[in-house]
Amino acid sequence: MQLKSSSKASRGKFETVLLNASTYHHLCDKLQVVMLVKYVEADNEAYWLMLRDLVAPTENQQTLSVRIPKVNRLSVIDWNAIQEDVRKVTDVKLAAGRKRQLQQSSR
């Protein structure tokens, strides 16, 4: 999980988070499923977005501006759906890792 916070809410239907491209790449390399969460003190609410739902930064991009929909409220999240999503993503990542290991060992 990558956690950010602010004291005031953003205007509109999204909360914005600035994320370094290097942090994005570091989080993508993890086996674990990554969720970005921004807590807004004024709303006493946290908003979330799965890392896989972001568009990857370009090669020359240093930071990315992430827009988290305010409808993604952590206080009302469907944890069963998240658990199922985590299971699926983990299975895919594990399978990719095994495939990579097999390719390396056959060389």
PDB file of N, CA and C in Angstrom:
ATOM      1  N   MET A   1       0.852  -1.175   0.000  1.00  0.00           N
ATOM      2  CA  MET A   1       0.000   0.000   0.000  1.00  0.00           C
ATOM      3  C   MET A   1       0.892   1.230   0.000  1.00  0.00           C
ATOM      4  N   GLN A   2       0.509   2.195  -0.759  1.00  0.00           N
ATOM      5  CA  GLN A   2       1.180   3.502  -0.779  1.00  0.00           C
ATOM      6  C   GLN A   2       0.183   4.489  -0.194  1.00  0.00           C
ATOM      7  N   LEU A   3       0.530   5.107   0.925  1.00  0.00           N
ATOM      8  CA  LEU A   3      -0.388   5.993   1.629  1.00  0.00           C
ATOM      9  C   LEU A   3       0.058   7.438   1.504  1.00  0.00           C
ATOM     10  N   LYS A   4      -0.877   8.297   1.147  1.00  0.00           N
ATOM     11  CA  LYS A   4      -0.657   9.742   1.075  1.00  0.00           C
ATOM     12  C   LYS A   4      -1.739  10.403   1.921  1.00  0.00           C
ATOM     13  N   SER A   5      -1.555  11.675   2.224  1.00  0.00           N
ATOM     14  CA  SER A   5      -2.592  12.373   2.994  1.00  0.00           C
ATOM     15  C   SER A   5      -2.571  13.863   2.680  1.00  0.00           C
ATOM     16  N   SER A   6      -3.669  14.512   3.039  1.00  0.00           N
ATOM     17  CA  SER A   6      -3.762  15.966   2.947  1.00  0.00           C
ATOM     18  C   SER A   6      -4.776  16.437   3.968  1.00  0.00           C
ATOM     19  N   SER A   7      -4.683  17.692   4.327  1.00  0.00           N
ATOM     20  CA  SER A   7      -5.634  18.225   5.309  1.00  0.00           C
ATOM     21  C   SER A   7      -6.921  18.683   4.640  1.00  0.00           C
ATOM     22  N   LYS A   8      -6.823  19.102   3.368  1.00  0.00           N
ATOM     23  CA  LYS A   8      -7.994  19.595   2.644  1.00  0.00           C
ATOM     24  C   LYS A   8      -8.318  18.699   1.464  1.00  0.00           C
ATOM     25  N   ALA A   9      -9.587  18.660   1.123  1.00  0.00           N
ATOM     26  CA  ALA A   9     -10.043  17.865  -0.016  1.00  0.00           C
ATOM     27  C   ALA A   9      -9.798  18.613  -1.321  1.00  0.00           C
ATOM     28  N   SER A  10      -9.573  17.851  -2.373  1.00  0.00           N
ATOM     29  CA  SER A  10      -9.495  18.431  -3.717  1.00  0.00           C
ATOM     30  C   SER A  10     -10.905  18.778  -4.166  1.00  0.00           C
ATOM     31  N   ARG A  11     -11.020  19.732  -5.058  1.00  0.00           N
ATOM     32  CA  ARG A  11     -12.330  20.068  -5.620  1.00  0.00           C
ATOM     33  C   ARG A  11     -12.702  19.022  -6.646  1.00  0.00           C
ATOM     34  N   GLY A  12     -13.976  18.840  -6.844  1.00  0.00           N
ATOM     35  CA  GLY A  12     -14.438  17.936  -7.881  1.00  0.00           C
ATOM     36  C   GLY A  12     -14.601  16.498  -7.406  1.00  0.00           C
ATOM     37  N   LYS A  13     -14.600  15.601  -8.372  1.00  0.00           N
ATOM     38  CA  LYS A  13     -14.918  14.202  -8.110  1.00  0.00           C
ATOM     39  C   LYS A  13     -13.692  13.325  -7.896  1.00  0.00           C
ATOM     40  N   PHE A  14     -12.496  13.948  -7.854  1.00  0.00           N
ATOM     41  CA  PHE A  14     -11.265  13.179  -7.721  1.00  0.00           C
ATOM     42  C   PHE A  14     -10.351  13.783  -6.667  1.00  0.00           C
ATOM     43  N   GLU A  15      -9.588  12.928  -6.009  1.00  0.00           N
ATOM     44  CA  GLU A  15      -8.468  13.353  -5.180  1.00  0.00           C
ATOM     45  C   GLU A  15      -7.221  13.141  -6.022  1.00  0.00           C
ATOM     46  N   THR A  16      -6.280  14.058  -5.931  1.00  0.00           N
ATOM     47  CA  THR A  16      -5.070  13.972  -6.732  1.00  0.00           C
ATOM     48  C   THR A  16      -3.873  13.657  -5.855  1.00  0.00           C
ATOM     49  N   VAL A  17      -3.033  12.764  -6.363  1.00  0.00           N
ATOM     50  CA  VAL A  17      -1.809  12.373  -5.677  1.00  0.00           C
ATOM     51  C   VAL A  17      -0.665  12.474  -6.678  1.00  0.00           C
ATOM     52  N   LEU A  18       0.443  13.077  -6.268  1.00  0.00           N
ATOM     53  CA  LEU A  18       1.644  13.076  -7.095  1.00  0.00           C
ATOM     54  C   LEU A  18       2.489  11.876  -6.681  1.00  0.00           C
ATOM     55  N   LEU A  19       2.896  11.091  -7.673  1.00  0.00           N
ATOM     56  CA  LEU A  19       3.673   9.888  -7.417  1.00  0.00           C
ATOM     57  C   LEU A  19       4.925   9.941  -8.280  1.00  0.00           C
ATOM     58  N   ASN A  20       6.074   9.722  -7.668  1.00  0.00           N
ATOM     59  CA  ASN A  20       7.315   9.667  -8.445  1.00  0.00           C
ATOM     60  C   ASN A  20       7.279   8.451  -9.363  1.00  0.00           C
ATOM     61  N   ALA A  21       7.803   8.616 -10.561  1.00  0.00           N
ATOM     62  CA  ALA A  21       7.863   7.497 -11.506  1.00  0.00           C
ATOM     63  C   ALA A  21       8.692   6.357 -10.919  1.00  0.00           C
ATOM     64  N   SER A  22       9.760   6.691 -10.204  1.00  0.00           N
ATOM     65  CA  SER A  22      10.594   5.647  -9.588  1.00  0.00           C
ATOM     66  C   SER A  22       9.801   4.856  -8.546  1.00  0.00           C
ATOM     67  N   THR A  23       8.942   5.524  -7.803  1.00  0.00           N
ATOM     68  CA  THR A  23       8.091   4.833  -6.825  1.00  0.00           C
ATOM     69  C   THR A  23       7.100   3.928  -7.536  1.00  0.00           C
ATOM     70  N   TYR A  24       6.518   4.425  -8.622  1.00  0.00           N
ATOM     71  CA  TYR A  24       5.594   3.612  -9.417  1.00  0.00           C
ATOM     72  C   TYR A  24       6.280   2.321  -9.874  1.00  0.00           C
ATOM     73  N   HIS A  25       7.476   2.446 -10.445  1.00  0.00           N
ATOM     74  CA  HIS A  25       8.195   1.274 -10.946  1.00  0.00           C
ATOM     75  C   HIS A  25       8.570   0.320  -9.810  1.00  0.00           C
ATOM     76  N   HIS A  26       8.981   0.877  -8.686  1.00  0.00           N
ATOM     77  CA  HIS A  26       9.311   0.054  -7.519  1.00  0.00           C
ATOM     78  C   HIS A  26       8.085  -0.749  -7.060  1.00  0.00           C
ATOM     79  N   LEU A  27       6.942  -0.091  -6.990  1.00  0.00           N
ATOM     80  CA  LEU A  27       5.722  -0.765  -6.545  1.00  0.00           C
ATOM     81  C   LEU A  27       5.268  -1.822  -7.563  1.00  0.00           C
ATOM     82  N   CYS A  28       5.465  -1.554  -8.842  1.00  0.00           N
ATOM     83  CA  CYS A  28       5.085  -2.520  -9.882  1.00  0.00           C
ATOM     84  C   CYS A  28       5.912  -3.792  -9.802  1.00  0.00           C
ATOM     85  N   ASP A  29       7.147  -3.678  -9.323  1.00  0.00           N
ATOM     86  CA  ASP A  29       8.034  -4.835  -9.236  1.00  0.00           C
ATOM     87  C   ASP A  29       7.700  -5.757  -8.071  1.00  0.00           C
ATOM     88  N   LYS A  30       6.835  -5.348  -7.203  1.00  0.00           N
ATOM     89  CA  LYS A  30       6.483  -6.152  -6.036  1.00  0.00           C
ATOM     90  C   LYS A  30       5.501  -7.262  -6.402  1.00  0.00           C
ATOM     91  N   LEU A  31       5.642  -8.388  -5.718  1.00  0.00           N
ATOM     92  CA  LEU A  31       4.697  -9.481  -5.908  1.00  0.00           C
ATOM     93  C   LEU A  31       3.320  -9.088  -5.367  1.00  0.00           C
ATOM     94  N   GLN A  32       3.326  -8.354  -4.270  1.00  0.00           N
ATOM     95  CA  GLN A  32       2.071  -7.968  -3.638  1.00  0.00           C
ATOM     96  C   GLN A  32       1.255  -7.040  -4.551  1.00  0.00           C
ATOM     97  N   VAL A  33      -0.041  -7.118  -4.389  1.00  0.00           N
ATOM     98  CA  VAL A  33      -0.944  -6.193  -5.073  1.00  0.00           C
ATOM     99  C   VAL A  33      -0.845  -4.861  -4.337  1.00  0.00           C
ATOM    100  N   VAL A  34      -0.776  -3.767  -5.104  1.00  0.00           N
ATOM    101  CA  VAL A  34      -0.557  -2.459  -4.495  1.00  0.00           C
ATOM    102  C   VAL A  34      -1.797  -1.585  -4.665  1.00  0.00           C
ATOM    103  N   MET A  35      -2.175  -0.974  -3.568  1.00  0.00           N
ATOM    104  CA  MET A  35      -3.296  -0.047  -3.548  1.00  0.00           C
ATOM    105  C   MET A  35      -2.765   1.319  -3.118  1.00  0.00           C
ATOM    106  N   LEU A  36      -3.125   2.355  -3.866  1.00  0.00           N
ATOM    107  CA  LEU A  36      -2.808   3.719  -3.468  1.00  0.00           C
ATOM    108  C   LEU A  36      -3.964   4.239  -2.630  1.00  0.00           C
ATOM    109  N   VAL A  37      -3.639   4.846  -1.508  1.00  0.00           N
ATOM    110  CA  VAL A  37      -4.675   5.369  -0.619  1.00  0.00           C
ATOM    111  C   VAL A  37      -4.314   6.792  -0.241  1.00  0.00           C
ATOM    112  N   LYS A  38      -5.294   7.683  -0.344  1.00  0.00           N
ATOM    113  CA  LYS A  38      -5.101   9.057   0.100  1.00  0.00           C
ATOM    114  C   LYS A  38      -6.136   9.364   1.170  1.00  0.00           C
ATOM    115  N   TYR A  39      -5.644   9.725   2.353  1.00  0.00           N
ATOM    116  CA  TYR A  39      -6.513  10.123   3.447  1.00  0.00           C
ATOM    117  C   TYR A  39      -6.664  11.636   3.412  1.00  0.00           C
ATOM    118  N   VAL A  40      -7.907  12.106   3.514  1.00  0.00           N
ATOM    119  CA  VAL A  40      -8.203  13.538   3.535  1.00  0.00           C
ATOM    120  C   VAL A  40      -8.811  13.872   4.895  1.00  0.00           C
ATOM    121  N   GLU A  41      -8.061  14.619   5.662  1.00  0.00           N
ATOM    122  CA  GLU A  41      -8.479  14.951   7.030  1.00  0.00           C
ATOM    123  C   GLU A  41      -9.826  15.678   7.066  1.00  0.00           C
ATOM    124  N   ALA A  42     -10.027  16.632   6.179  1.00  0.00           N
ATOM    125  CA  ALA A  42     -11.267  17.421   6.170  1.00  0.00           C
ATOM    126  C   ALA A  42     -12.500  16.542   5.941  1.00  0.00           C
ATOM    127  N   ASP A  43     -12.345  15.488   5.154  1.00  0.00           N
ATOM    128  CA  ASP A  43     -13.458  14.563   4.882  1.00  0.00           C
ATOM    129  C   ASP A  43     -13.512  13.416   5.885  1.00  0.00           C
ATOM    130  N   ASN A  44     -12.445  13.260   6.675  1.00  0.00           N
ATOM    131  CA  ASN A  44     -12.284  12.097   7.535  1.00  0.00           C
ATOM    132  C   ASN A  44     -12.557  10.818   6.728  1.00  0.00           C
ATOM    133  N   GLU A  45     -11.943  10.784   5.550  1.00  0.00           N
ATOM    134  CA  GLU A  45     -12.157   9.678   4.613  1.00  0.00           C
ATOM    135  C   GLU A  45     -10.869   9.405   3.862  1.00  0.00           C
ATOM    136  N   ALA A  46     -10.703   8.167   3.461  1.00  0.00           N
ATOM    137  CA  ALA A  46      -9.585   7.771   2.607  1.00  0.00           C
ATOM    138  C   ALA A  46     -10.158   7.258   1.291  1.00  0.00           C
ATOM    139  N   TYR A  47      -9.459   7.567   0.217  1.00  0.00           N
ATOM    140  CA  TYR A  47      -9.874   7.164  -1.127  1.00  0.00           C
ATOM    141  C   TYR A  47      -8.792   6.261  -1.705  1.00  0.00           C
ATOM    142  N   TRP A  48      -9.189   5.285  -2.499  1.00  0.00           N
ATOM    143  CA  TRP A  48      -8.229   4.276  -2.953  1.00  0.00           C
ATOM    144  C   TRP A  48      -8.296   4.056  -4.463  1.00  0.00           C
ATOM    145  N   LEU A  49      -7.198   3.502  -4.980  1.00  0.00           N
ATOM    146  CA  LEU A  49      -7.099   3.117  -6.382  1.00  0.00           C
ATOM    147  C   LEU A  49      -6.038   2.030  -6.479  1.00  0.00           C
ATOM    148  N   MET A  50      -6.307   1.001  -7.258  1.00  0.00           N
ATOM    149  CA  MET A  50      -5.328  -0.064  -7.453  1.00  0.00           C
ATOM    150  C   MET A  50      -4.240   0.440  -8.401  1.00  0.00           C
ATOM    151  N   LEU A  51      -2.998   0.087  -8.104  1.00  0.00           N
ATOM    152  CA  LEU A  51      -1.879   0.517  -8.925  1.00  0.00           C
ATOM    153  C   LEU A  51      -2.035   0.055 -10.372  1.00  0.00           C
ATOM    154  N   ARG A  52      -2.580  -1.120 -10.575  1.00  0.00           N
ATOM    155  CA  ARG A  52      -2.743  -1.664 -11.930  1.00  0.00           C
ATOM    156  C   ARG A  52      -3.680  -0.810 -12.789  1.00  0.00           C
ATOM    157  N   ASP A  53      -4.466   0.054 -12.165  1.00  0.00           N
ATOM    158  CA  ASP A  53      -5.399   0.909 -12.903  1.00  0.00           C
ATOM    159  C   ASP A  53      -4.761   2.208 -13.386  1.00  0.00           C
ATOM    160  N   LEU A  54      -3.474   2.400 -13.084  1.00  0.00           N
ATOM    161  CA  LEU A  54      -2.773   3.608 -13.530  1.00  0.00           C
ATOM    162  C   LEU A  54      -2.155   3.393 -14.899  1.00  0.00           C
ATOM    163  N   VAL A  55      -2.018   4.467 -15.627  1.00  0.00           N
ATOM    164  CA  VAL A  55      -1.281   4.439 -16.884  1.00  0.00           C
ATOM    165  C   VAL A  55       0.188   4.619 -16.520  1.00  0.00           C
ATOM    166  N   ALA A  56       1.044   3.729 -17.018  1.00  0.00           N
ATOM    167  CA  ALA A  56       2.472   3.783 -16.699  1.00  0.00           C
ATOM    168  C   ALA A  56       3.075   5.093 -17.190  1.00  0.00           C
ATOM    169  N   PRO A  57       4.028   5.629 -16.433  1.00  0.00           N
ATOM    170  CA  PRO A  57       4.678   6.861 -16.875  1.00  0.00           C
ATOM    171  C   PRO A  57       5.529   6.602 -18.118  1.00  0.00           C
ATOM    172  N   THR A  58       5.711   7.637 -18.906  1.00  0.00           N
ATOM    173  CA  THR A  58       6.586   7.521 -20.077  1.00  0.00           C
ATOM    174  C   THR A  58       8.034   7.447 -19.596  1.00  0.00           C
ATOM    175  N   GLU A  59       8.921   7.105 -20.503  1.00  0.00           N
ATOM    176  CA  GLU A  59      10.327   6.919 -20.144  1.00  0.00           C
ATOM    177  C   GLU A  59      10.954   8.169 -19.532  1.00  0.00           C
ATOM    178  N   ASN A  60      10.594   9.341 -20.014  1.00  0.00           N
ATOM    179  CA  ASN A  60      11.191  10.596 -19.530  1.00  0.00           C
ATOM    180  C   ASN A  60      10.404  11.254 -18.405  1.00  0.00           C
ATOM    181  N   GLN A  61       9.311  10.682 -18.033  1.00  0.00           N
ATOM    182  CA  GLN A  61       8.433  11.274 -17.014  1.00  0.00           C
ATOM    183  C   GLN A  61       8.993  11.021 -15.619  1.00  0.00           C
ATOM    184  N   GLN A  62       9.116  12.079 -14.822  1.00  0.00           N
ATOM    185  CA  GLN A  62       9.648  11.972 -13.459  1.00  0.00           C
ATOM    186  C   GLN A  62       8.556  11.717 -12.423  1.00  0.00           C
ATOM    187  N   THR A  63       7.377  12.298 -12.644  1.00  0.00           N
ATOM    188  CA  THR A  63       6.258  12.132 -11.715  1.00  0.00           C
ATOM    189  C   THR A  63       4.980  11.892 -12.504  1.00  0.00           C
ATOM    190  N   LEU A  64       3.997  11.330 -11.829  1.00  0.00           N
ATOM    191  CA  LEU A  64       2.683  11.216 -12.450  1.00  0.00           C
ATOM    192  C   LEU A  64       1.638  11.728 -11.486  1.00  0.00           C
ATOM    193  N   SER A  65       0.649  12.344 -12.049  1.00  0.00           N
ATOM    194  CA  SER A  65      -0.462  12.868 -11.283  1.00  0.00           C
ATOM    195  C   SER A  65      -1.578  11.822 -11.328  1.00  0.00           C
ATOM    196  N   VAL A  66      -1.890  11.276 -10.180  1.00  0.00           N
ATOM    197  CA  VAL A  66      -2.877  10.208 -10.082  1.00  0.00           C
ATOM    198  C   VAL A  66      -4.196  10.799  -9.607  1.00  0.00           C
ATOM    199  N   ARG A  67      -5.255  10.492 -10.341  1.00  0.00           N
ATOM    200  CA  ARG A  67      -6.599  10.951  -9.962  1.00  0.00           C
ATOM    201  C   ARG A  67      -7.365   9.774  -9.372  1.00  0.00           C
ATOM    202  N   ILE A  68      -7.681   9.880  -8.098  1.00  0.00           N
ATOM    203  CA  ILE A  68      -8.416   8.829  -7.396  1.00  0.00           C
ATOM    204  C   ILE A  68      -9.878   9.251  -7.297  1.00  0.00           C
ATOM    205  N   PRO A  69     -10.783   8.465  -7.867  1.00  0.00           N
ATOM    206  CA  PRO A  69     -12.208   8.832  -7.798  1.00  0.00           C
ATOM    207  C   PRO A  69     -12.702   8.870  -6.354  1.00  0.00           C
ATOM    208  N   LYS A  70     -13.414   9.912  -6.018  1.00  0.00           N
ATOM    209  CA  LYS A  70     -13.940  10.031  -4.655  1.00  0.00           C
ATOM    210  C   LYS A  70     -15.024   8.996  -4.347  1.00  0.00           C
ATOM    211  N   VAL A  71     -15.533   8.331  -5.362  1.00  0.00           N
ATOM    212  CA  VAL A  71     -16.490   7.243  -5.095  1.00  0.00           C
ATOM    213  C   VAL A  71     -15.774   6.028  -4.517  1.00  0.00           C
ATOM    214  N   ASN A  72     -14.453   5.958  -4.655  1.00  0.00           N
ATOM    215  CA  ASN A  72     -13.663   4.856  -4.089  1.00  0.00           C
ATOM    216  C   ASN A  72     -13.324   5.174  -2.633  1.00  0.00           C
ATOM    217  N   ARG A  73     -14.345   5.159  -1.808  1.00  0.00           N
ATOM    218  CA  ARG A  73     -14.166   5.474  -0.389  1.00  0.00           C
ATOM    219  C   ARG A  73     -13.762   4.217   0.361  1.00  0.00           C
ATOM    220  N   LEU A  74     -12.696   4.313   1.128  1.00  0.00           N
ATOM    221  CA  LEU A  74     -12.207   3.154   1.873  1.00  0.00           C
ATOM    222  C   LEU A  74     -13.197   2.704   2.941  1.00  0.00           C
ATOM    223  N   SER A  75     -13.982   3.638   3.450  1.00  0.00           N
ATOM    224  CA  SER A  75     -14.938   3.298   4.515  1.00  0.00           C
ATOM    225  C   SER A  75     -16.065   2.386   4.035  1.00  0.00           C
ATOM    226  N   VAL A  76     -16.286   2.315   2.732  1.00  0.00           N
ATOM    227  CA  VAL A  76     -17.376   1.475   2.209  1.00  0.00           C
ATOM    228  C   VAL A  76     -16.872   0.451   1.190  1.00  0.00           C
ATOM    229  N   ILE A  77     -15.587   0.154   1.238  1.00  0.00           N
ATOM    230  CA  ILE A  77     -14.995  -0.748   0.254  1.00  0.00           C
ATOM    231  C   ILE A  77     -15.562  -2.162   0.398  1.00  0.00           C
ATOM    232  N   ASP A  78     -15.690  -2.842  -0.707  1.00  0.00           N
ATOM    233  CA  ASP A  78     -16.138  -4.238  -0.730  1.00  0.00           C
ATOM    234  C   ASP A  78     -14.901  -5.118  -0.584  1.00  0.00           C
ATOM    235  N   TRP A  79     -14.573  -5.508   0.641  1.00  0.00           N
ATOM    236  CA  TRP A  79     -13.345  -6.260   0.892  1.00  0.00           C
ATOM    237  C   TRP A  79     -13.368  -7.640   0.239  1.00  0.00           C
ATOM    238  N   ASN A  80     -14.532  -8.221   0.031  1.00  0.00           N
ATOM    239  CA  ASN A  80     -14.601  -9.512  -0.665  1.00  0.00           C
ATOM    240  C   ASN A  80     -14.144  -9.361  -2.114  1.00  0.00           C
ATOM    241  N   ALA A  81     -14.556  -8.297  -2.772  1.00  0.00           N
ATOM    242  CA  ALA A  81     -14.133  -8.049  -4.151  1.00  0.00           C
ATOM    243  C   ALA A  81     -12.634  -7.774  -4.204  1.00  0.00           C
ATOM    244  N   ILE A  82     -12.128  -7.023  -3.238  1.00  0.00           N
ATOM    245  CA  ILE A  82     -10.687  -6.741  -3.189  1.00  0.00           C
ATOM    246  C   ILE A  82      -9.910  -8.030  -2.961  1.00  0.00           C
ATOM    247  N   GLN A  83     -10.389  -8.881  -2.069  1.00  0.00           N
ATOM    248  CA  GLN A  83      -9.723 -10.155  -1.792  1.00  0.00           C
ATOM    249  C   GLN A  83      -9.662 -11.018  -3.057  1.00  0.00           C
ATOM    250  N   GLU A  84     -10.735 -11.060  -3.803  1.00  0.00           N
ATOM    251  CA  GLU A  84     -10.770 -11.831  -5.046  1.00  0.00           C
ATOM    252  C   GLU A  84      -9.809 -11.235  -6.069  1.00  0.00           C
ATOM    253  N   ASP A  85      -9.771  -9.917  -6.166  1.00  0.00           N
ATOM    254  CA  ASP A  85      -8.858  -9.242  -7.075  1.00  0.00           C
ATOM    255  C   ASP A  85      -7.409  -9.536  -6.690  1.00  0.00           C
ATOM    256  N   VAL A  86      -7.103  -9.466  -5.416  1.00  0.00           N
ATOM    257  CA  VAL A  86      -5.748  -9.765  -4.933  1.00  0.00           C
ATOM    258  C   VAL A  86      -5.365 -11.194  -5.296  1.00  0.00           C
ATOM    259  N   ARG A  87      -6.280 -12.122  -5.116  1.00  0.00           N
ATOM    260  CA  ARG A  87      -6.013 -13.524  -5.440  1.00  0.00           C
ATOM    261  C   ARG A  87      -5.690 -13.685  -6.931  1.00  0.00           C
ATOM    262  N   LYS A  88      -6.477 -13.051  -7.790  1.00  0.00           N
ATOM    263  CA  LYS A  88      -6.260 -13.149  -9.233  1.00  0.00           C
ATOM    264  C   LYS A  88      -4.919 -12.542  -9.646  1.00  0.00           C
ATOM    265  N   VAL A  89      -4.648 -11.339  -9.160  1.00  0.00           N
ATOM    266  CA  VAL A  89      -3.404 -10.657  -9.528  1.00  0.00           C
ATOM    267  C   VAL A  89      -2.199 -11.429  -9.007  1.00  0.00           C
ATOM    268  N   THR A  90      -2.271 -11.932  -7.788  1.00  0.00           N
ATOM    269  CA  THR A  90      -1.173 -12.706  -7.225  1.00  0.00           C
ATOM    270  C   THR A  90      -0.922 -13.970  -8.039  1.00  0.00           C
ATOM    271  N   ASP A  91      -1.977 -14.642  -8.450  1.00  0.00           N
ATOM    272  CA  ASP A  91      -1.819 -15.842  -9.283  1.00  0.00           C
ATOM    273  C   ASP A  91      -1.106 -15.517 -10.590  1.00  0.00           C
ATOM    274  N   VAL A  92      -1.480 -14.414 -11.222  1.00  0.00           N
ATOM    275  CA  VAL A  92      -0.845 -14.003 -12.483  1.00  0.00           C
ATOM    276  C   VAL A  92       0.631 -13.666 -12.257  1.00  0.00           C
ATOM    277  N   LYS A  93       0.917 -12.915 -11.194  1.00  0.00           N
ATOM    278  CA  LYS A  93       2.306 -12.541 -10.909  1.00  0.00           C
ATOM    279  C   LYS A  93       3.151 -13.763 -10.582  1.00  0.00           C
ATOM    280  N   LEU A  94       2.613 -14.696  -9.801  1.00  0.00           N
ATOM    281  CA  LEU A  94       3.348 -15.914  -9.473  1.00  0.00           C
ATOM    282  C   LEU A  94       3.612 -16.749 -10.723  1.00  0.00           C
ATOM    283  N   ALA A  95       2.619 -16.865 -11.591  1.00  0.00           N
ATOM    284  CA  ALA A  95       2.782 -17.628 -12.826  1.00  0.00           C
ATOM    285  C   ALA A  95       3.854 -16.989 -13.712  1.00  0.00           C
ATOM    286  N   ALA A  96       3.865 -15.668 -13.799  1.00  0.00           N
ATOM    287  CA  ALA A  96       4.878 -14.972 -14.598  1.00  0.00           C
ATOM    288  C   ALA A  96       6.266 -15.201 -14.017  1.00  0.00           C
ATOM    289  N   GLY A  97       6.376 -15.188 -12.701  1.00  0.00           N
ATOM    290  CA  GLY A  97       7.664 -15.437 -12.045  1.00  0.00           C
ATOM    291  C   GLY A  97       8.154 -16.850 -12.294  1.00  0.00           C
ATOM    292  N   ARG A  98       7.248 -17.823 -12.211  1.00  0.00           N
ATOM    293  CA  ARG A  98       7.620 -19.218 -12.480  1.00  0.00           C
ATOM    294  C   ARG A  98       8.070 -19.388 -13.922  1.00  0.00           C
ATOM    295  N   LYS A  99       7.371 -18.758 -14.849  1.00  0.00           N
ATOM    296  CA  LYS A  99       7.721 -18.845 -16.271  1.00  0.00           C
ATOM    297  C   LYS A  99       9.116 -18.270 -16.502  1.00  0.00           C
ATOM    298  N   ARG A 100       9.397 -17.128 -15.868  1.00  0.00           N
ATOM    299  CA  ARG A 100      10.698 -16.485 -15.990  1.00  0.00           C
ATOM    300  C   ARG A 100      11.799 -17.399 -15.434  1.00  0.00           C
ATOM    301  N   GLN A 101      11.522 -18.035 -14.291  1.00  0.00           N
ATOM    302  CA  GLN A 101      12.498 -18.956 -13.703  1.00  0.00           C
ATOM    303  C   GLN A 101      12.767 -20.144 -14.606  1.00  0.00           C
ATOM    304  N   LEU A 102      11.723 -20.699 -15.204  1.00  0.00           N
ATOM    305  CA  LEU A 102      11.885 -21.830 -16.112  1.00  0.00           C
ATOM    306  C   LEU A 102      12.695 -21.439 -17.347  1.00  0.00           C
ATOM    307  N   GLN A 103      12.426 -20.261 -17.867  1.00  0.00           N
ATOM    308  CA  GLN A 103      13.172 -19.783 -19.042  1.00  0.00           C
ATOM    309  C   GLN A 103      14.647 -19.593 -18.711  1.00  0.00           C
ATOM    310  N   GLN A 104      14.932 -19.063 -17.535  1.00  0.00           N
ATOM    311  CA  GLN A 104      16.313 -18.829 -17.129  1.00  0.00           C
ATOM    312  C   GLN A 104      17.046 -20.140 -16.868  1.00  0.00           C
ATOM    313  N   SER A 105      16.359 -21.114 -16.286  1.00  0.00           N
ATOM    314  CA  SER A 105      17.011 -22.388 -15.973  1.00  0.00           C
ATOM    315  C   SER A 105      17.231 -23.245 -17.221  1.00  0.00           C
ATOM    316  N   SER A 106      16.469 -23.003 -18.291  1.00  0.00           N
ATOM    317  CA  SER A 106      16.631 -23.787 -19.515  1.00  0.00           C
ATOM    318  C   SER A 106      17.702 -23.218 -20.443  1.00  0.00           C
ATOM    319  N   ARG A 107      18.286 -22.090 -20.066  1.00  0.00           N
ATOM    320  CA  ARG A 107      19.313 -21.469 -20.903  1.00  0.00           C
ATOM    321  C   ARG A 107      20.648 -22.115 -20.693  1.00  0.00           C
TER     322      ARG A 107
END
